[in-house]
Every structure is written in C-alpha cells, then in structure tokens.
PDB file of N, CA and C in Angstrom:
ATOM      1  N   SER A   1     103.704 133.838 100.979  1.00  0.00           N
ATOM      2  CA  SER A   1     104.262 132.748 100.205  1.00  0.00           C
ATOM      3  C   SER A   1     105.012 133.299  99.001  1.00  0.00           C
ATOM      4  N   SER A   2     105.973 132.573  98.539  1.00  0.00           N
ATOM      5  CA  SER A   2     106.797 132.974  97.408  1.00  0.00           C
ATOM      6  C   SER A   2     106.046 132.748  96.098  1.00  0.00           C
ATOM      7  N   ALA A   3     106.353 133.591  95.092  1.00  0.00           N
ATOM      8  CA  ALA A   3     105.682 133.453  93.803  1.00  0.00           C
ATOM      9  C   ALA A   3     106.283 132.357  92.943  1.00  0.00           C
ATOM     10  N   GLY A   4     107.518 131.969  93.213  1.00  0.00           N
ATOM     11  CA  GLY A   4     108.194 130.976  92.386  1.00  0.00           C
ATOM     12  C   GLY A   4     108.209 129.598  93.017  1.00  0.00           C
ATOM     13  N   PRO A   5     108.917 128.667  92.383  1.00  0.00           N
ATOM     14  CA  PRO A   5     109.035 127.311  92.941  1.00  0.00           C
ATOM     15  C   PRO A   5     109.874 127.312  94.213  1.00  0.00           C
ATOM     16  N   SER A   6     109.660 126.321  95.046  1.00  0.00           N
ATOM     17  CA  SER A   6     110.451 126.180  96.272  1.00  0.00           C
ATOM     18  C   SER A   6     110.703 124.706  96.549  1.00  0.00           C
ATOM     19  N   ALA A   7     111.740 124.459  97.316  1.00  0.00           N
ATOM     20  CA  ALA A   7     112.082 123.087  97.705  1.00  0.00           C
ATOM     21  C   ALA A   7     112.732 123.129  99.085  1.00  0.00           C
ATOM     22  N   SER A   8     112.574 122.058  99.822  1.00  0.00           N
ATOM     23  CA  SER A   8     113.215 121.967 101.133  1.00  0.00           C
ATOM     24  C   SER A   8     113.486 120.508 101.476  1.00  0.00           C
ATOM     25  N   VAL A   9     114.453 120.337 102.362  1.00  0.00           N
ATOM     26  CA  VAL A   9     114.784 119.013 102.902  1.00  0.00           C
ATOM     27  C   VAL A   9     114.827 119.164 104.414  1.00  0.00           C
ATOM     28  N   ALA A  10     114.236 118.226 105.121  1.00  0.00           N
ATOM     29  CA  ALA A  10     114.256 118.233 106.588  1.00  0.00           C
ATOM     30  C   ALA A  10     114.818 116.904 107.075  1.00  0.00           C
ATOM     31  N   VAL A  11     115.643 116.978 108.103  1.00  0.00           N
ATOM     32  CA  VAL A  11     116.218 115.782 108.712  1.00  0.00           C
ATOM     33  C   VAL A  11     115.766 115.749 110.164  1.00  0.00           C
ATOM     34  N   THR A  12     115.176 114.628 110.573  1.00  0.00           N
ATOM     35  CA  THR A  12     114.748 114.430 111.949  1.00  0.00           C
ATOM     36  C   THR A  12     115.504 113.234 112.512  1.00  0.00           C
ATOM     37  N   SER A  13     116.044 113.399 113.706  1.00  0.00           N
ATOM     38  CA  SER A  13     116.830 112.320 114.298  1.00  0.00           C
ATOM     39  C   SER A  13     116.515 112.222 115.785  1.00  0.00           C
ATOM     40  N   ALA A  14     116.525 111.034 116.305  1.00  0.00           N
ATOM     41  CA  ALA A  14     116.303 110.815 117.740  1.00  0.00           C
ATOM     42  C   ALA A  14     117.317 109.797 118.239  1.00  0.00           C
ATOM     43  N   GLN A  15     117.929 110.105 119.360  1.00  0.00           N
ATOM     44  CA  GLN A  15     118.931 109.233 119.976  1.00  0.00           C
ATOM     45  C   GLN A  15     118.681 109.195 121.480  1.00  0.00           C
ATOM     46  N   ARG A  16     119.143 108.162 122.108  1.00  0.00           N
ATOM     47  CA  ARG A  16     119.090 108.032 123.571  1.00  0.00           C
ATOM     48  C   ARG A  16     117.689 108.241 124.141  1.00  0.00           C
ATOM     49  N   ILE A  17     116.723 107.524 123.591  1.00  0.00           N
ATOM     50  CA  ILE A  17     115.357 107.545 124.114  1.00  0.00           C
ATOM     51  C   ILE A  17     115.194 106.308 124.989  1.00  0.00           C
ATOM     52  N   TYR A  18     114.939 106.524 126.255  1.00  0.00           N
ATOM     53  CA  TYR A  18     114.804 105.402 127.185  1.00  0.00           C
ATOM     54  C   TYR A  18     113.355 104.957 127.291  1.00  0.00           C
ATOM     55  N   LEU A  19     113.179 103.658 127.424  1.00  0.00           N
ATOM     56  CA  LEU A  19     111.842 103.068 127.428  1.00  0.00           C
ATOM     57  C   LEU A  19     111.386 102.598 128.807  1.00  0.00           C
ATOM     58  N   ASP A  20     112.203 102.817 129.801  1.00  0.00           N
ATOM     59  CA  ASP A  20     111.811 102.417 131.152  1.00  0.00           C
ATOM     60  C   ASP A  20     112.230 103.503 132.141  1.00  0.00           C
ATOM     61  N   ASP A  21     111.644 103.464 133.329  1.00  0.00           N
ATOM     62  CA  ASP A  21     111.918 104.488 134.341  1.00  0.00           C
ATOM     63  C   ASP A  21     113.357 104.468 134.832  1.00  0.00           C
ATOM     64  N   ALA A  22     113.996 103.312 134.796  1.00  0.00           N
ATOM     65  CA  ALA A  22     115.375 103.189 135.274  1.00  0.00           C
ATOM     66  C   ALA A  22     116.403 103.593 134.207  1.00  0.00           C
ATOM     67  N   ASN A  23     115.928 103.920 133.020  1.00  0.00           N
ATOM     68  CA  ASN A  23     116.812 104.279 131.901  1.00  0.00           C
ATOM     69  C   ASN A  23     117.823 103.179 131.578  1.00  0.00           C
ATOM     70  N   THR A  24     117.336 101.943 131.548  1.00  0.00           N
ATOM     71  CA  THR A  24     118.210 100.815 131.211  1.00  0.00           C
ATOM     72  C   THR A  24     117.878 100.217 129.844  1.00  0.00           C
ATOM     73  N   ARG A  25     116.675 100.468 129.340  1.00  0.00           N
ATOM     74  CA  ARG A  25     116.255  99.951 128.025  1.00  0.00           C
ATOM     75  C   ARG A  25     116.161 101.132 127.064  1.00  0.00           C
ATOM     76  N   GLU A  26     116.953 101.081 126.007  1.00  0.00           N
ATOM     77  CA  GLU A  26     117.044 102.208 125.090  1.00  0.00           C
ATOM     78  C   GLU A  26     116.468 101.863 123.720  1.00  0.00           C
ATOM     79  N   LEU A  27     115.674 102.769 123.172  1.00  0.00           N
ATOM     80  CA  LEU A  27     115.150 102.624 121.816  1.00  0.00           C
ATOM     81  C   LEU A  27     116.307 102.864 120.848  1.00  0.00           C
ATOM     82  N   PRO A  28     116.467 102.011 119.841  1.00  0.00           N
ATOM     83  CA  PRO A  28     117.538 102.257 118.861  1.00  0.00           C
ATOM     84  C   PRO A  28     117.371 103.629 118.204  1.00  0.00           C
ATOM     85  N   GLY A  29     118.476 104.349 118.061  1.00  0.00           N
ATOM     86  CA  GLY A  29     118.444 105.666 117.445  1.00  0.00           C
ATOM     87  C   GLY A  29     118.031 105.569 115.982  1.00  0.00           C
ATOM     88  N   TRP A  30     117.521 106.671 115.447  1.00  0.00           N
ATOM     89  CA  TRP A  30     117.074 106.684 114.060  1.00  0.00           C
ATOM     90  C   TRP A  30     117.197 108.082 113.476  1.00  0.00           C
ATOM     91  N   THR A  31     117.234 108.131 112.151  1.00  0.00           N
ATOM     92  CA  THR A  31     117.249 109.383 111.401  1.00  0.00           C
ATOM     93  C   THR A  31     116.320 109.234 110.205  1.00  0.00           C
ATOM     94  N   ARG A  32     115.514 110.257 109.960  1.00  0.00           N
ATOM     95  CA  ARG A  32     114.569 110.246 108.838  1.00  0.00           C
ATOM     96  C   ARG A  32     114.760 111.516 108.012  1.00  0.00           C
ATOM     97  N   TRP A  33     114.731 111.368 106.694  1.00  0.00           N
ATOM     98  CA  TRP A  33     114.850 112.490 105.770  1.00  0.00           C
ATOM     99  C   TRP A  33     113.501 112.705 105.081  1.00  0.00           C
ATOM    100  N   ASP A  34     113.074 113.969 104.990  1.00  0.00           N
ATOM    101  CA  ASP A  34     111.855 114.339 104.281  1.00  0.00           C
ATOM    102  C   ASP A  34     112.220 115.384 103.225  1.00  0.00           C
ATOM    103  N   ALA A  35     111.481 115.420 102.114  1.00  0.00           N
ATOM    104  CA  ALA A  35     111.727 116.400 101.055  1.00  0.00           C
ATOM    105  C   ALA A  35     110.405 116.978 100.588  1.00  0.00           C
ATOM    106  N   ARG A  36     110.446 118.259 100.181  1.00  0.00           N
ATOM    107  CA  ARG A  36     109.223 118.939  99.730  1.00  0.00           C
ATOM    108  C   ARG A  36     109.546 119.827  98.538  1.00  0.00           C
ATOM    109  N   VAL A  37     108.692 119.791  97.528  1.00  0.00           N
ATOM    110  CA  VAL A  37     108.783 120.707  96.395  1.00  0.00           C
ATOM    111  C   VAL A  37     107.406 121.347  96.202  1.00  0.00           C
ATOM    112  N   SER A  38     107.441 122.594  95.742  1.00  0.00           N
ATOM    113  CA  SER A  38     106.207 123.334  95.574  1.00  0.00           C
ATOM    114  C   SER A  38     106.362 124.261  94.361  1.00  0.00           C
ATOM    115  N   VAL A  39     105.331 124.305  93.506  1.00  0.00           N
ATOM    116  CA  VAL A  39     105.376 125.153  92.308  1.00  0.00           C
ATOM    117  C   VAL A  39     104.024 125.828  92.105  1.00  0.00           C
ATOM    118  N   PRO A  40     104.060 127.078  91.622  1.00  0.00           N
ATOM    119  CA  PRO A  40     102.796 127.733  91.281  1.00  0.00           C
ATOM    120  C   PRO A  40     102.294 127.222  89.936  1.00  0.00           C
ATOM    121  N   VAL A  41     100.982 126.949  89.860  1.00  0.00           N
ATOM    122  CA  VAL A  41     100.359 126.457  88.623  1.00  0.00           C
ATOM    123  C   VAL A  41      98.985 127.105  88.508  1.00  0.00           C
ATOM    124  N   VAL A  42      98.799 127.987  87.572  1.00  0.00           N
ATOM    125  CA  VAL A  42      97.513 128.607  87.243  1.00  0.00           C
ATOM    126  C   VAL A  42      96.752 129.082  88.487  1.00  0.00           C
ATOM    127  N   GLY A  43      97.350 129.951  89.270  1.00  0.00           N
ATOM    128  CA  GLY A  43      96.655 130.550  90.406  1.00  0.00           C
ATOM    129  C   GLY A  43      96.629 129.727  91.677  1.00  0.00           C
ATOM    130  N   VAL A  44      97.192 128.549  91.675  1.00  0.00           N
ATOM    131  CA  VAL A  44      97.288 127.732  92.888  1.00  0.00           C
ATOM    132  C   VAL A  44      98.743 127.305  93.066  1.00  0.00           C
ATOM    133  N   ARG A  45      99.053 126.770  94.209  1.00  0.00           N
ATOM    134  CA  ARG A  45     100.382 126.233  94.478  1.00  0.00           C
ATOM    135  C   ARG A  45     100.231 124.733  94.696  1.00  0.00           C
ATOM    136  N   VAL A  46     100.942 123.952  93.886  1.00  0.00           N
ATOM    137  CA  VAL A  46     100.910 122.488  93.989  1.00  0.00           C
ATOM    138  C   VAL A  46     102.184 122.045  94.698  1.00  0.00           C
ATOM    139  N   SER A  47     102.022 121.180  95.693  1.00  0.00           N
ATOM    140  CA  SER A  47     103.181 120.706  96.442  1.00  0.00           C
ATOM    141  C   SER A  47     103.173 119.189  96.530  1.00  0.00           C
ATOM    142  N   ALA A  48     104.368 118.657  96.642  1.00  0.00           N
ATOM    143  CA  ALA A  48     104.551 117.221  96.875  1.00  0.00           C
ATOM    144  C   ALA A  48     105.554 117.080  98.004  1.00  0.00           C
ATOM    145  N   GLU A  49     105.197 116.298  99.005  1.00  0.00           N
ATOM    146  CA  GLU A  49     106.075 116.086 100.151  1.00  0.00           C
ATOM    147  C   GLU A  49     106.291 114.589 100.320  1.00  0.00           C
ATOM    148  N   LEU A  50     107.543 114.209 100.358  1.00  0.00           N
ATOM    149  CA  LEU A  50     107.910 112.805 100.524  1.00  0.00           C
ATOM    150  C   LEU A  50     108.494 112.643 101.912  1.00  0.00           C
ATOM    151  N   PHE A  51     107.754 111.957 102.773  1.00  0.00           N
ATOM    152  CA  PHE A  51     108.195 111.705 104.127  1.00  0.00           C
ATOM    153  C   PHE A  51     108.970 110.385 104.154  1.00  0.00           C
ATOM    154  N   ASN A  52     110.007 110.316 104.978  1.00  0.00           N
ATOM    155  CA  ASN A  52     110.840 109.124 105.108  1.00  0.00           C
ATOM    156  C   ASN A  52     111.405 108.738 103.735  1.00  0.00           C
ATOM    157  N   LEU A  53     112.082 109.691 103.141  1.00  0.00           N
ATOM    158  CA  LEU A  53     112.619 109.593 101.785  1.00  0.00           C
ATOM    159  C   LEU A  53     113.364 108.286 101.523  1.00  0.00           C
ATOM    160  N   TRP A  54     114.194 107.837 102.445  1.00  0.00           N
ATOM    161  CA  TRP A  54     115.013 106.622 102.241  1.00  0.00           C
ATOM    162  C   TRP A  54     114.333 105.380 102.794  1.00  0.00           C
ATOM    163  N   ASP A  55     113.052 105.482 103.174  1.00  0.00           N
ATOM    164  CA  ASP A  55     112.267 104.345 103.664  1.00  0.00           C
ATOM    165  C   ASP A  55     112.926 103.662 104.865  1.00  0.00           C
ATOM    166  N   ALA A  56     113.414 104.480 105.800  1.00  0.00           N
ATOM    167  CA  ALA A  56     114.065 103.964 107.007  1.00  0.00           C
ATOM    168  C   ALA A  56     113.078 103.139 107.835  1.00  0.00           C
ATOM    169  N   ARG A  57     113.552 102.084 108.423  1.00  0.00           N
ATOM    170  CA  ARG A  57     112.748 101.246 109.323  1.00  0.00           C
ATOM    171  C   ARG A  57     113.149 101.580 110.755  1.00  0.00           C
ATOM    172  N   TYR A  58     112.197 102.131 111.515  1.00  0.00           N
ATOM    173  CA  TYR A  58     112.494 102.515 112.891  1.00  0.00           C
ATOM    174  C   TYR A  58     111.206 102.536 113.698  1.00  0.00           C
ATOM    175  N   SER A  59     111.363 102.608 114.998  1.00  0.00           N
ATOM    176  CA  SER A  59     110.222 102.713 115.903  1.00  0.00           C
ATOM    177  C   SER A  59     110.298 104.036 116.634  1.00  0.00           C
ATOM    178  N   THR A  60     109.143 104.656 116.824  1.00  0.00           N
ATOM    179  CA  THR A  60     109.103 105.959 117.475  1.00  0.00           C
ATOM    180  C   THR A  60     109.046 105.864 118.994  1.00  0.00           C
ATOM    181  N   THR A  61     108.562 104.748 119.508  1.00  0.00           N
ATOM    182  CA  THR A  61     108.513 104.549 120.952  1.00  0.00           C
ATOM    183  C   THR A  61     108.279 103.066 121.232  1.00  0.00           C
ATOM    184  N   GLY A  62     108.271 102.719 122.475  1.00  0.00           N
ATOM    185  CA  GLY A  62     108.036 101.338 122.869  1.00  0.00           C
ATOM    186  C   GLY A  62     107.845 101.259 124.371  1.00  0.00           C
ATOM    187  N   PHE A  63     107.571 100.072 124.851  1.00  0.00           N
ATOM    188  CA  PHE A  63     107.403  99.886 126.298  1.00  0.00           C
ATOM    189  C   PHE A  63     107.622  98.422 126.644  1.00  0.00           C
ATOM    190  N   PRO A  64     108.094  98.152 127.876  1.00  0.00           N
ATOM    191  CA  PRO A  64     108.274  96.766 128.310  1.00  0.00           C
ATOM    192  C   PRO A  64     106.930  96.146 128.699  1.00  0.00           C
ATOM    193  N   ASP A  65     106.818  94.853 128.505  1.00  0.00           N
ATOM    194  CA  ASP A  65     105.630  94.098 128.906  1.00  0.00           C
ATOM    195  C   ASP A  65     105.537  94.123 130.429  1.00  0.00           C
ATOM    196  N   ALA A  66     104.368  94.445 130.968  1.00  0.00           N
ATOM    197  CA  ALA A  66     104.190  94.512 132.424  1.00  0.00           C
ATOM    198  C   ALA A  66     104.385  93.154 133.085  1.00  0.00           C
ATOM    199  N   ALA A  67     104.087  92.074 132.372  1.00  0.00           N
ATOM    200  CA  ALA A  67     104.215  90.730 132.946  1.00  0.00           C
ATOM    201  C   ALA A  67     105.613  90.140 132.775  1.00  0.00           C
ATOM    202  N   ASP A  68     106.375  90.622 131.792  1.00  0.00           N
ATOM    203  CA  ASP A  68     107.705  90.083 131.516  1.00  0.00           C
ATOM    204  C   ASP A  68     108.580  91.226 131.005  1.00  0.00           C
ATOM    205  N   ALA A  69     109.372  91.807 131.912  1.00  0.00           N
ATOM    206  CA  ALA A  69     110.195  92.970 131.568  1.00  0.00           C
ATOM    207  C   ALA A  69     111.205  92.673 130.459  1.00  0.00           C
ATOM    208  N   GLY A  70     111.439  91.409 130.160  1.00  0.00           N
ATOM    209  CA  GLY A  70     112.356  91.043 129.094  1.00  0.00           C
ATOM    210  C   GLY A  70     111.744  91.197 127.708  1.00  0.00           C
ATOM    211  N   VAL A  71     110.426  91.385 127.653  1.00  0.00           N
ATOM    212  CA  VAL A  71     109.732  91.530 126.373  1.00  0.00           C
ATOM    213  C   VAL A  71     109.447  93.012 126.140  1.00  0.00           C
ATOM    214  N   MET A  72     109.815  93.502 124.949  1.00  0.00           N
ATOM    215  CA  MET A  72     109.570  94.891 124.597  1.00  0.00           C
ATOM    216  C   MET A  72     108.573  94.959 123.441  1.00  0.00           C
ATOM    217  N   TYR A  73     107.717  95.962 123.493  1.00  0.00           N
ATOM    218  CA  TYR A  73     106.788  96.232 122.405  1.00  0.00           C
ATOM    219  C   TYR A  73     107.187  97.568 121.771  1.00  0.00           C
ATOM    220  N   TYR A  74     107.188  97.616 120.449  1.00  0.00           N
ATOM    221  CA  TYR A  74     107.603  98.812 119.731  1.00  0.00           C
ATOM    222  C   TYR A  74     106.483  99.310 118.823  1.00  0.00           C
ATOM    223  N   TYR A  75     106.473 100.610 118.569  1.00  0.00           N
ATOM    224  CA  TYR A  75     105.530 101.225 117.627  1.00  0.00           C
ATOM    225  C   TYR A  75     106.309 101.607 116.375  1.00  0.00           C
ATOM    226  N   PRO A  76     106.219 100.800 115.320  1.00  0.00           N
ATOM    227  CA  PRO A  76     106.973 101.125 114.104  1.00  0.00           C
ATOM    228  C   PRO A  76     106.408 102.366 113.412  1.00  0.00           C
ATOM    229  N   ALA A  77     107.318 103.156 112.854  1.00  0.00           N
ATOM    230  CA  ALA A  77     106.928 104.350 112.109  1.00  0.00           C
ATOM    231  C   ALA A  77     106.510 103.955 110.699  1.00  0.00           C
ATOM    232  N   ALA A  78     105.820 104.847 110.044  1.00  0.00           N
ATOM    233  CA  ALA A  78     105.399 104.609 108.659  1.00  0.00           C
ATOM    234  C   ALA A  78     106.614 104.567 107.743  1.00  0.00           C
ATOM    235  N   GLY A  79     106.509 103.807 106.681  1.00  0.00           N
ATOM    236  CA  GLY A  79     107.547 103.796 105.656  1.00  0.00           C
ATOM    237  C   GLY A  79     107.438 105.054 104.809  1.00  0.00           C
ATOM    238  N   ARG A  80     108.005 105.020 103.632  1.00  0.00           N
ATOM    239  CA  ARG A  80     107.963 106.169 102.724  1.00  0.00           C
ATOM    240  C   ARG A  80     106.510 106.527 102.414  1.00  0.00           C
ATOM    241  N   THR A  81     106.196 107.821 102.503  1.00  0.00           N
ATOM    242  CA  THR A  81     104.835 108.296 102.290  1.00  0.00           C
ATOM    243  C   THR A  81     104.856 109.561 101.428  1.00  0.00           C
ATOM    244  N   LEU A  82     103.982 109.620 100.444  1.00  0.00           N
ATOM    245  CA  LEU A  82     103.880 110.784  99.573  1.00  0.00           C
ATOM    246  C   LEU A  82     102.589 111.529  99.881  1.00  0.00           C
ATOM    247  N   GLU A  83     102.701 112.851 100.009  1.00  0.00           N
ATOM    248  CA  GLU A  83     101.534 113.701 100.234  1.00  0.00           C
ATOM    249  C   GLU A  83     101.519 114.782  99.157  1.00  0.00           C
ATOM    250  N   ILE A  84     100.393 114.917  98.478  1.00  0.00           N
ATOM    251  CA  ILE A  84     100.219 115.917  97.437  1.00  0.00           C
ATOM    252  C   ILE A  84      99.234 116.963  97.954  1.00  0.00           C
ATOM    253  N   GLY A  85      99.532 118.231  97.720  1.00  0.00           N
ATOM    254  CA  GLY A  85      98.641 119.288  98.199  1.00  0.00           C
ATOM    255  C   GLY A  85      98.451 120.387  97.182  1.00  0.00           C
ATOM    256  N   ILE A  86      97.330 121.080  97.303  1.00  0.00           N
ATOM    257  CA  ILE A  86      97.027 122.235  96.477  1.00  0.00           C
ATOM    258  C   ILE A  86      96.598 123.355  97.418  1.00  0.00           C
ATOM    259  N   ASP A  87      97.278 124.509  97.335  1.00  0.00           N
ATOM    260  CA  ASP A  87      96.958 125.663  98.161  1.00  0.00           C
ATOM    261  C   ASP A  87      96.443 126.789  97.278  1.00  0.00           C
ATOM    262  N   HIS A  88      95.472 127.511  97.829  1.00  0.00           N
ATOM    263  CA  HIS A  88      94.941 128.686  97.129  1.00  0.00           C
ATOM    264  C   HIS A  88      94.642 129.748  98.175  1.00  0.00           C
ATOM    265  N   ASP A  89      95.082 130.980  97.927  1.00  0.00           N
ATOM    266  CA  ASP A  89      94.759 132.096  98.838  1.00  0.00           C
ATOM    267  C   ASP A  89      93.384 132.635  98.471  1.00  0.00           C
ATOM    268  N   TRP A  90      92.465 132.581  99.407  1.00  0.00           N
ATOM    269  CA  TRP A  90      91.092 133.040  99.135  1.00  0.00           C
ATOM    270  C   TRP A  90      90.953 134.484  99.433  1.00  0.00           C
TER     271      TRP A  90
END
C-alpha cells in the first residue's frame, strides 16, 4: 500500500442485457460512477468509498412473469451508498 493519500474513480456500465431466452426483452442500459479516497492517519489508513455517486436509478436484472409474459419484474440497485473503512497492517 502507498504511504500517502490516494483517490480513484470507477465507472461500471451494462448494456444489451436480455431478460428472456429469445432475447426479445432487454433491460434498460445503465452506468454507475463510484469514487474512493484514502489517507493515512496515525498508523492506520482511513478510506471513504461512495458507491453510485450520482444516485442513478437502475435495475441489475429482471425476469418475465411465468403466468403473464407481458409483466416484467426488476431488481432495483441500491441508491447512493457511503462506506467508511479503517485498515491496519498487523
């Protein structure tokens, strides 16, 4: 690990995800941005990671209703989420 501060940005995107075997029902494409900063503080490393930085609304997957193929069910992704961490080398 680096002795100084660090930062990173990650972009995750998904397009053309089909929800049925015939590839006729497509999940709307999405893009999510994440950011991370990390700084050394008194012998430990403190980090903050912000997932879904712009609070994008999207679904990660879905499936058609077995009884009515016209009905789709989606699994919405989490909104903006903050994670704080402390690392120490033992």
